[in-house]
Amino acid sequence: MDILEAISLHGGKISTILTYANLSHDRCVKYLEELLEKGLVEEGADGYALTERGYKFLQELKRAERLAEAFGFRL
């Protein structure tokens, strides 16, 4: 979720994603490849951007997180 939030809130440059998501470069690239394969992000001239599917997925993750927190769980 951190990568999707980083792209959504701060833009999709790899340096920004690394900082916000607190990941190593190798791990971040691996996760981005998976998100690309799943159609949640797309790569462009300015870095990465959420697709419509990625935006919807992020919203559902946030919704699930709020629900879990309402029951005393932290995701």
PDB file of N, CA and C in Angstrom:
ATOM      1  N   MET A   1       0.824  -1.183   0.000  1.00  0.00           N
ATOM      2  CA  MET A   1       0.000   0.000   0.000  1.00  0.00           C
ATOM      3  C   MET A   1       0.876   1.257   0.000  1.00  0.00           C
ATOM      4  N   ASP A   2       2.060   1.188   0.615  1.00  0.00           N
ATOM      5  CA  ASP A   2       2.922   2.363   0.688  1.00  0.00           C
ATOM      6  C   ASP A   2       3.337   2.859  -0.691  1.00  0.00           C
ATOM      7  N   ILE A   3       3.619   1.949  -1.600  1.00  0.00           N
ATOM      8  CA  ILE A   3       4.025   2.356  -2.948  1.00  0.00           C
ATOM      9  C   ILE A   3       2.870   3.042  -3.654  1.00  0.00           C
ATOM     10  N   LEU A   4       1.694   2.469  -3.572  1.00  0.00           N
ATOM     11  CA  LEU A   4       0.530   3.073  -4.221  1.00  0.00           C
ATOM     12  C   LEU A   4       0.229   4.444  -3.627  1.00  0.00           C
ATOM     13  N   GLU A   5       0.326   4.565  -2.312  1.00  0.00           N
ATOM     14  CA  GLU A   5       0.097   5.864  -1.667  1.00  0.00           C
ATOM     15  C   GLU A   5       1.156   6.877  -2.069  1.00  0.00           C
ATOM     16  N   ALA A   6       2.401   6.435  -2.136  1.00  0.00           N
ATOM     17  CA  ALA A   6       3.481   7.342  -2.529  1.00  0.00           C
ATOM     18  C   ALA A   6       3.226   7.904  -3.914  1.00  0.00           C
ATOM     19  N   ILE A   7       2.839   7.040  -4.837  1.00  0.00           N
ATOM     20  CA  ILE A   7       2.561   7.488  -6.202  1.00  0.00           C
ATOM     21  C   ILE A   7       1.358   8.419  -6.216  1.00  0.00           C
ATOM     22  N   SER A   8       0.326   8.054  -5.483  1.00  0.00           N
ATOM     23  CA  SER A   8      -0.897   8.849  -5.459  1.00  0.00           C
ATOM     24  C   SER A   8      -0.678  10.235  -4.855  1.00  0.00           C
ATOM     25  N   LEU A   9       0.062  10.302  -3.760  1.00  0.00           N
ATOM     26  CA  LEU A   9       0.207  11.552  -3.019  1.00  0.00           C
ATOM     27  C   LEU A   9       1.405  12.401  -3.433  1.00  0.00           C
ATOM     28  N   HIS A  10       2.492  11.742  -3.850  1.00  0.00           N
ATOM     29  CA  HIS A  10       3.747  12.460  -4.047  1.00  0.00           C
ATOM     30  C   HIS A  10       4.317  12.356  -5.454  1.00  0.00           C
ATOM     31  N   GLY A  11       3.674  11.617  -6.326  1.00  0.00           N
ATOM     32  CA  GLY A  11       4.190  11.450  -7.682  1.00  0.00           C
ATOM     33  C   GLY A  11       4.953  10.152  -7.823  1.00  0.00           C
ATOM     34  N   GLY A  12       5.266   9.823  -9.057  1.00  0.00           N
ATOM     35  CA  GLY A  12       5.798   8.505  -9.330  1.00  0.00           C
ATOM     36  C   GLY A  12       7.264   8.405  -9.660  1.00  0.00           C
ATOM     37  N   LYS A  13       8.056   9.390  -9.285  1.00  0.00           N
ATOM     38  CA  LYS A  13       9.496   9.266  -9.507  1.00  0.00           C
ATOM     39  C   LYS A  13      10.045   8.232  -8.536  1.00  0.00           C
ATOM     40  N   ILE A  14      10.970   7.412  -9.030  1.00  0.00           N
ATOM     41  CA  ILE A  14      11.476   6.307  -8.223  1.00  0.00           C
ATOM     42  C   ILE A  14      12.089   6.801  -6.912  1.00  0.00           C
ATOM     43  N   SER A  15      12.797   7.924  -6.937  1.00  0.00           N
ATOM     44  CA  SER A  15      13.413   8.448  -5.708  1.00  0.00           C
ATOM     45  C   SER A  15      12.351   8.823  -4.676  1.00  0.00           C
ATOM     46  N   THR A  16      11.248   9.367  -5.134  1.00  0.00           N
ATOM     47  CA  THR A  16      10.155   9.732  -4.234  1.00  0.00           C
ATOM     48  C   THR A  16       9.515   8.488  -3.639  1.00  0.00           C
ATOM     49  N   ILE A  17       9.294   7.489  -4.471  1.00  0.00           N
ATOM     50  CA  ILE A  17       8.698   6.236  -3.990  1.00  0.00           C
ATOM     51  C   ILE A  17       9.611   5.582  -2.959  1.00  0.00           C
ATOM     52  N   LEU A  18      10.913   5.544  -3.248  1.00  0.00           N
ATOM     53  CA  LEU A  18      11.873   4.942  -2.317  1.00  0.00           C
ATOM     54  C   LEU A  18      11.826   5.627  -0.958  1.00  0.00           C
ATOM     55  N   THR A  19      11.794   6.940  -0.967  1.00  0.00           N
ATOM     56  CA  THR A  19      11.776   7.705   0.279  1.00  0.00           C
ATOM     57  C   THR A  19      10.487   7.468   1.057  1.00  0.00           C
ATOM     58  N   TYR A  20       9.356   7.614   0.385  1.00  0.00           N
ATOM     59  CA  TYR A  20       8.073   7.512   1.072  1.00  0.00           C
ATOM     60  C   TYR A  20       7.796   6.090   1.556  1.00  0.00           C
ATOM     61  N   ALA A  21       8.107   5.096   0.718  1.00  0.00           N
ATOM     62  CA  ALA A  21       7.800   3.706   1.060  1.00  0.00           C
ATOM     63  C   ALA A  21       8.898   3.058   1.905  1.00  0.00           C
ATOM     64  N   ASN A  22      10.036   3.756   2.059  1.00  0.00           N
ATOM     65  CA  ASN A  22      11.148   3.258   2.866  1.00  0.00           C
ATOM     66  C   ASN A  22      11.590   1.860   2.427  1.00  0.00           C
ATOM     67  N   LEU A  23      11.851   1.718   1.133  1.00  0.00           N
ATOM     68  CA  LEU A  23      12.271   0.445   0.560  1.00  0.00           C
ATOM     69  C   LEU A  23      13.637   0.581  -0.090  1.00  0.00           C
ATOM     70  N   SER A  24      14.339  -0.548  -0.199  1.00  0.00           N
ATOM     71  CA  SER A  24      15.569  -0.556  -0.985  1.00  0.00           C
ATOM     72  C   SER A  24      15.190  -0.449  -2.460  1.00  0.00           C
ATOM     73  N   HIS A  25      16.137  -0.021  -3.264  1.00  0.00           N
ATOM     74  CA  HIS A  25      15.877   0.141  -4.696  1.00  0.00           C
ATOM     75  C   HIS A  25      15.450  -1.184  -5.324  1.00  0.00           C
ATOM     76  N   ASP A  26      16.191  -2.258  -5.035  1.00  0.00           N
ATOM     77  CA  ASP A  26      15.885  -3.565  -5.631  1.00  0.00           C
ATOM     78  C   ASP A  26      14.484  -4.044  -5.268  1.00  0.00           C
ATOM     79  N   ARG A  27      14.140  -3.922  -4.007  1.00  0.00           N
ATOM     80  CA  ARG A  27      12.817  -4.369  -3.562  1.00  0.00           C
ATOM     81  C   ARG A  27      11.716  -3.514  -4.186  1.00  0.00           C
ATOM     82  N   CYS A  28      11.936  -2.214  -4.256  1.00  0.00           N
ATOM     83  CA  CYS A  28      10.950  -1.307  -4.845  1.00  0.00           C
ATOM     84  C   CYS A  28      10.711  -1.651  -6.313  1.00  0.00           C
ATOM     85  N   VAL A  29      11.791  -1.888  -7.052  1.00  0.00           N
ATOM     86  CA  VAL A  29      11.667  -2.236  -8.471  1.00  0.00           C
ATOM     87  C   VAL A  29      10.894  -3.541  -8.625  1.00  0.00           C
ATOM     88  N   LYS A  30      11.174  -4.507  -7.763  1.00  0.00           N
ATOM     89  CA  LYS A  30      10.455  -5.789  -7.806  1.00  0.00           C
ATOM     90  C   LYS A  30       8.956  -5.578  -7.600  1.00  0.00           C
ATOM     91  N   TYR A  31       8.592  -4.772  -6.596  1.00  0.00           N
ATOM     92  CA  TYR A  31       7.181  -4.509  -6.325  1.00  0.00           C
ATOM     93  C   TYR A  31       6.527  -3.720  -7.456  1.00  0.00           C
ATOM     94  N   LEU A  32       7.257  -2.767  -8.009  1.00  0.00           N
ATOM     95  CA  LEU A  32       6.709  -1.987  -9.125  1.00  0.00           C
ATOM     96  C   LEU A  32       6.445  -2.873 -10.338  1.00  0.00           C
ATOM     97  N   GLU A  33       7.344  -3.820 -10.599  1.00  0.00           N
ATOM     98  CA  GLU A  33       7.129  -4.755 -11.707  1.00  0.00           C
ATOM     99  C   GLU A  33       5.844  -5.548 -11.502  1.00  0.00           C
ATOM    100  N   GLU A  34       5.612  -5.980 -10.275  1.00  0.00           N
ATOM    101  CA  GLU A  34       4.385  -6.730  -9.975  1.00  0.00           C
ATOM    102  C   GLU A  34       3.150  -5.846 -10.138  1.00  0.00           C
ATOM    103  N   LEU A  35       3.228  -4.604  -9.671  1.00  0.00           N
ATOM    104  CA  LEU A  35       2.102  -3.677  -9.818  1.00  0.00           C
ATOM    105  C   LEU A  35       1.832  -3.370 -11.288  1.00  0.00           C
ATOM    106  N   LEU A  36       2.892  -3.283 -12.091  1.00  0.00           N
ATOM    107  CA  LEU A  36       2.732  -3.094 -13.539  1.00  0.00           C
ATOM    108  C   LEU A  36       2.022  -4.297 -14.158  1.00  0.00           C
ATOM    109  N   GLU A  37       2.474  -5.501 -13.798  1.00  0.00           N
ATOM    110  CA  GLU A  37       1.871  -6.730 -14.326  1.00  0.00           C
ATOM    111  C   GLU A  37       0.396  -6.837 -13.965  1.00  0.00           C
ATOM    112  N   LYS A  38       0.048  -6.377 -12.775  1.00  0.00           N
ATOM    113  CA  LYS A  38      -1.341  -6.457 -12.306  1.00  0.00           C
ATOM    114  C   LYS A  38      -2.203  -5.322 -12.845  1.00  0.00           C
ATOM    115  N   GLY A  39      -1.576  -4.368 -13.539  1.00  0.00           N
ATOM    116  CA  GLY A  39      -2.334  -3.264 -14.116  1.00  0.00           C
ATOM    117  C   GLY A  39      -2.722  -2.186 -13.120  1.00  0.00           C
ATOM    118  N   LEU A  40      -1.991  -2.112 -11.998  1.00  0.00           N
ATOM    119  CA  LEU A  40      -2.311  -1.120 -10.977  1.00  0.00           C
ATOM    120  C   LEU A  40      -1.546   0.185 -11.175  1.00  0.00           C
ATOM    121  N   VAL A  41      -0.391   0.101 -11.836  1.00  0.00           N
ATOM    122  CA  VAL A  41       0.383   1.298 -12.170  1.00  0.00           C
ATOM    123  C   VAL A  41       0.807   1.208 -13.626  1.00  0.00           C
ATOM    124  N   GLU A  42       1.172   2.365 -14.164  1.00  0.00           N
ATOM    125  CA  GLU A  42       1.722   2.425 -15.514  1.00  0.00           C
ATOM    126  C   GLU A  42       2.965   3.292 -15.465  1.00  0.00           C
ATOM    127  N   GLU A  43       3.885   3.019 -16.381  1.00  0.00           N
ATOM    128  CA  GLU A  43       5.132   3.767 -16.417  1.00  0.00           C
ATOM    129  C   GLU A  43       5.079   4.773 -17.547  1.00  0.00           C
ATOM    130  N   GLY A  44       5.486   5.996 -17.247  1.00  0.00           N
ATOM    131  CA  GLY A  44       5.491   7.051 -18.247  1.00  0.00           C
ATOM    132  C   GLY A  44       6.777   7.842 -18.191  1.00  0.00           C
ATOM    133  N   ALA A  45       6.825   8.920 -18.935  1.00  0.00           N
ATOM    134  CA  ALA A  45       8.020   9.762 -19.002  1.00  0.00           C
ATOM    135  C   ALA A  45       8.359  10.382 -17.647  1.00  0.00           C
ATOM    136  N   ASP A  46       7.352  10.649 -16.828  1.00  0.00           N
ATOM    137  CA  ASP A  46       7.564  11.282 -15.520  1.00  0.00           C
ATOM    138  C   ASP A  46       7.615  10.277 -14.381  1.00  0.00           C
ATOM    139  N   GLY A  47       7.753   9.010 -14.683  1.00  0.00           N
ATOM    140  CA  GLY A  47       7.794   7.982 -13.651  1.00  0.00           C
ATOM    141  C   GLY A  47       6.546   7.122 -13.701  1.00  0.00           C
ATOM    142  N   TYR A  48       6.072   6.745 -12.545  1.00  0.00           N
ATOM    143  CA  TYR A  48       4.929   5.849 -12.440  1.00  0.00           C
ATOM    144  C   TYR A  48       3.673   6.624 -12.069  1.00  0.00           C
ATOM    145  N   ALA A  49       2.541   6.092 -12.502  1.00  0.00           N
ATOM    146  CA  ALA A  49       1.244   6.691 -12.178  1.00  0.00           C
ATOM    147  C   ALA A  49       0.261   5.563 -11.901  1.00  0.00           C
ATOM    148  N   LEU A  50      -0.699   5.844 -11.038  1.00  0.00           N
ATOM    149  CA  LEU A  50      -1.755   4.869 -10.785  1.00  0.00           C
ATOM    150  C   LEU A  50      -2.669   4.788 -11.994  1.00  0.00           C
ATOM    151  N   THR A  51      -3.083   3.588 -12.318  1.00  0.00           N
ATOM    152  CA  THR A  51      -4.133   3.420 -13.311  1.00  0.00           C
ATOM    153  C   THR A  51      -5.467   3.590 -12.595  1.00  0.00           C
ATOM    154  N   GLU A  52      -6.532   3.606 -13.334  1.00  0.00           N
ATOM    155  CA  GLU A  52      -7.853   3.680 -12.698  1.00  0.00           C
ATOM    156  C   GLU A  52      -8.047   2.485 -11.772  1.00  0.00           C
ATOM    157  N   ARG A  53      -7.619   1.327 -12.239  1.00  0.00           N
ATOM    158  CA  ARG A  53      -7.714   0.111 -11.428  1.00  0.00           C
ATOM    159  C   ARG A  53      -6.869   0.244 -10.155  1.00  0.00           C
ATOM    160  N   GLY A  54      -5.682   0.832 -10.284  1.00  0.00           N
ATOM    161  CA  GLY A  54      -4.807   1.041  -9.133  1.00  0.00           C
ATOM    162  C   GLY A  54      -5.413   1.990  -8.123  1.00  0.00           C
ATOM    163  N   TYR A  55      -6.034   3.049  -8.619  1.00  0.00           N
ATOM    164  CA  TYR A  55      -6.684   4.009  -7.730  1.00  0.00           C
ATOM    165  C   TYR A  55      -7.829   3.334  -6.967  1.00  0.00           C
ATOM    166  N   LYS A  56      -8.642   2.552  -7.669  1.00  0.00           N
ATOM    167  CA  LYS A  56      -9.752   1.850  -7.011  1.00  0.00           C
ATOM    168  C   LYS A  56      -9.231   0.850  -5.982  1.00  0.00           C
ATOM    169  N   PHE A  57      -8.156   0.146  -6.344  1.00  0.00           N
ATOM    170  CA  PHE A  57      -7.561  -0.825  -5.433  1.00  0.00           C
ATOM    171  C   PHE A  57      -7.062  -0.135  -4.165  1.00  0.00           C
ATOM    172  N   LEU A  58      -6.397   1.005  -4.315  1.00  0.00           N
ATOM    173  CA  LEU A  58      -5.905   1.759  -3.164  1.00  0.00           C
ATOM    174  C   LEU A  58      -7.060   2.203  -2.279  1.00  0.00           C
ATOM    175  N   GLN A  59      -8.144   2.655  -2.866  1.00  0.00           N
ATOM    176  CA  GLN A  59      -9.303   3.076  -2.079  1.00  0.00           C
ATOM    177  C   GLN A  59      -9.881   1.905  -1.288  1.00  0.00           C
ATOM    178  N   GLU A  60      -9.939   0.730  -1.899  1.00  0.00           N
ATOM    179  CA  GLU A  60     -10.451  -0.456  -1.195  1.00  0.00           C
ATOM    180  C   GLU A  60      -9.514  -0.877  -0.071  1.00  0.00           C
ATOM    181  N   LEU A  61      -8.206  -0.765  -0.293  1.00  0.00           N
ATOM    182  CA  LEU A  61      -7.249  -1.074   0.770  1.00  0.00           C
ATOM    183  C   LEU A  61      -7.432  -0.136   1.958  1.00  0.00           C
ATOM    184  N   LYS A  62      -7.619   1.139   1.679  1.00  0.00           N
ATOM    185  CA  LYS A  62      -7.835   2.111   2.752  1.00  0.00           C
ATOM    186  C   LYS A  62      -9.127   1.810   3.503  1.00  0.00           C
ATOM    187  N   ARG A  63     -10.142   1.408   2.758  1.00  0.00           N
ATOM    188  CA  ARG A  63     -11.420   1.053   3.378  1.00  0.00           C
ATOM    189  C   ARG A  63     -11.250  -0.156   4.301  1.00  0.00           C
ATOM    190  N   ALA A  64     -10.523  -1.169   3.835  1.00  0.00           N
ATOM    191  CA  ALA A  64     -10.270  -2.362   4.643  1.00  0.00           C
ATOM    192  C   ALA A  64      -9.449  -2.011   5.883  1.00  0.00           C
ATOM    193  N   GLU A  65      -8.501  -1.101   5.725  1.00  0.00           N
ATOM    194  CA  GLU A  65      -7.684  -0.673   6.860  1.00  0.00           C
ATOM    195  C   GLU A  65      -8.542   0.021   7.921  1.00  0.00           C
ATOM    196  N   ARG A  66      -9.449   0.885   7.489  1.00  0.00           N
ATOM    197  CA  ARG A  66     -10.343   1.565   8.438  1.00  0.00           C
ATOM    198  C   ARG A  66     -11.241   0.558   9.158  1.00  0.00           C
ATOM    199  N   LEU A  67     -11.739  -0.421   8.433  1.00  0.00           N
ATOM    200  CA  LEU A  67     -12.588  -1.446   9.034  1.00  0.00           C
ATOM    201  C   LEU A  67     -11.809  -2.239  10.077  1.00  0.00           C
ATOM    202  N   ALA A  68     -10.601  -2.651   9.735  1.00  0.00           N
ATOM    203  CA  ALA A  68      -9.778  -3.405  10.681  1.00  0.00           C
ATOM    204  C   ALA A  68      -9.494  -2.578  11.930  1.00  0.00           C
ATOM    205  N   GLU A  69      -9.175  -1.300  11.737  1.00  0.00           N
ATOM    206  CA  GLU A  69      -8.894  -0.427  12.881  1.00  0.00           C
ATOM    207  C   GLU A  69     -10.122  -0.250  13.771  1.00  0.00           C
ATOM    208  N   ALA A  70     -11.302  -0.251  13.178  1.00  0.00           N
ATOM    209  CA  ALA A  70     -12.535  -0.127  13.960  1.00  0.00           C
ATOM    210  C   ALA A  70     -12.716  -1.316  14.903  1.00  0.00           C
ATOM    211  N   PHE A  71     -12.107  -2.454  14.555  1.00  0.00           N
ATOM    212  CA  PHE A  71     -12.188  -3.648  15.388  1.00  0.00           C
ATOM    213  C   PHE A  71     -10.917  -3.867  16.202  1.00  0.00           C
ATOM    214  N   GLY A  72     -10.050  -2.860  16.217  1.00  0.00           N
ATOM    215  CA  GLY A  72      -8.851  -2.939  17.040  1.00  0.00           C
ATOM    216  C   GLY A  72      -7.656  -3.596  16.395  1.00  0.00           C
ATOM    217  N   PHE A  73      -7.705  -3.821  15.097  1.00  0.00           N
ATOM    218  CA  PHE A  73      -6.583  -4.421  14.380  1.00  0.00           C
ATOM    219  C   PHE A  73      -5.842  -3.358  13.592  1.00  0.00           C
ATOM    220  N   ARG A  74      -4.575  -3.611  13.360  1.00  0.00           N
ATOM    221  CA  ARG A  74      -3.778  -2.708  12.533  1.00  0.00           C
ATOM    222  C   ARG A  74      -3.193  -3.510  11.382  1.00  0.00           C
ATOM    223  N   LEU A  75      -3.447  -3.075  10.163  1.00  0.00           N
ATOM    224  CA  LEU A  75      -2.911  -3.767   8.985  1.00  0.00           C
ATOM    225  C   LEU A  75      -1.563  -3.224   8.607  1.00  0.00           C
TER     226      LEU A  75
END
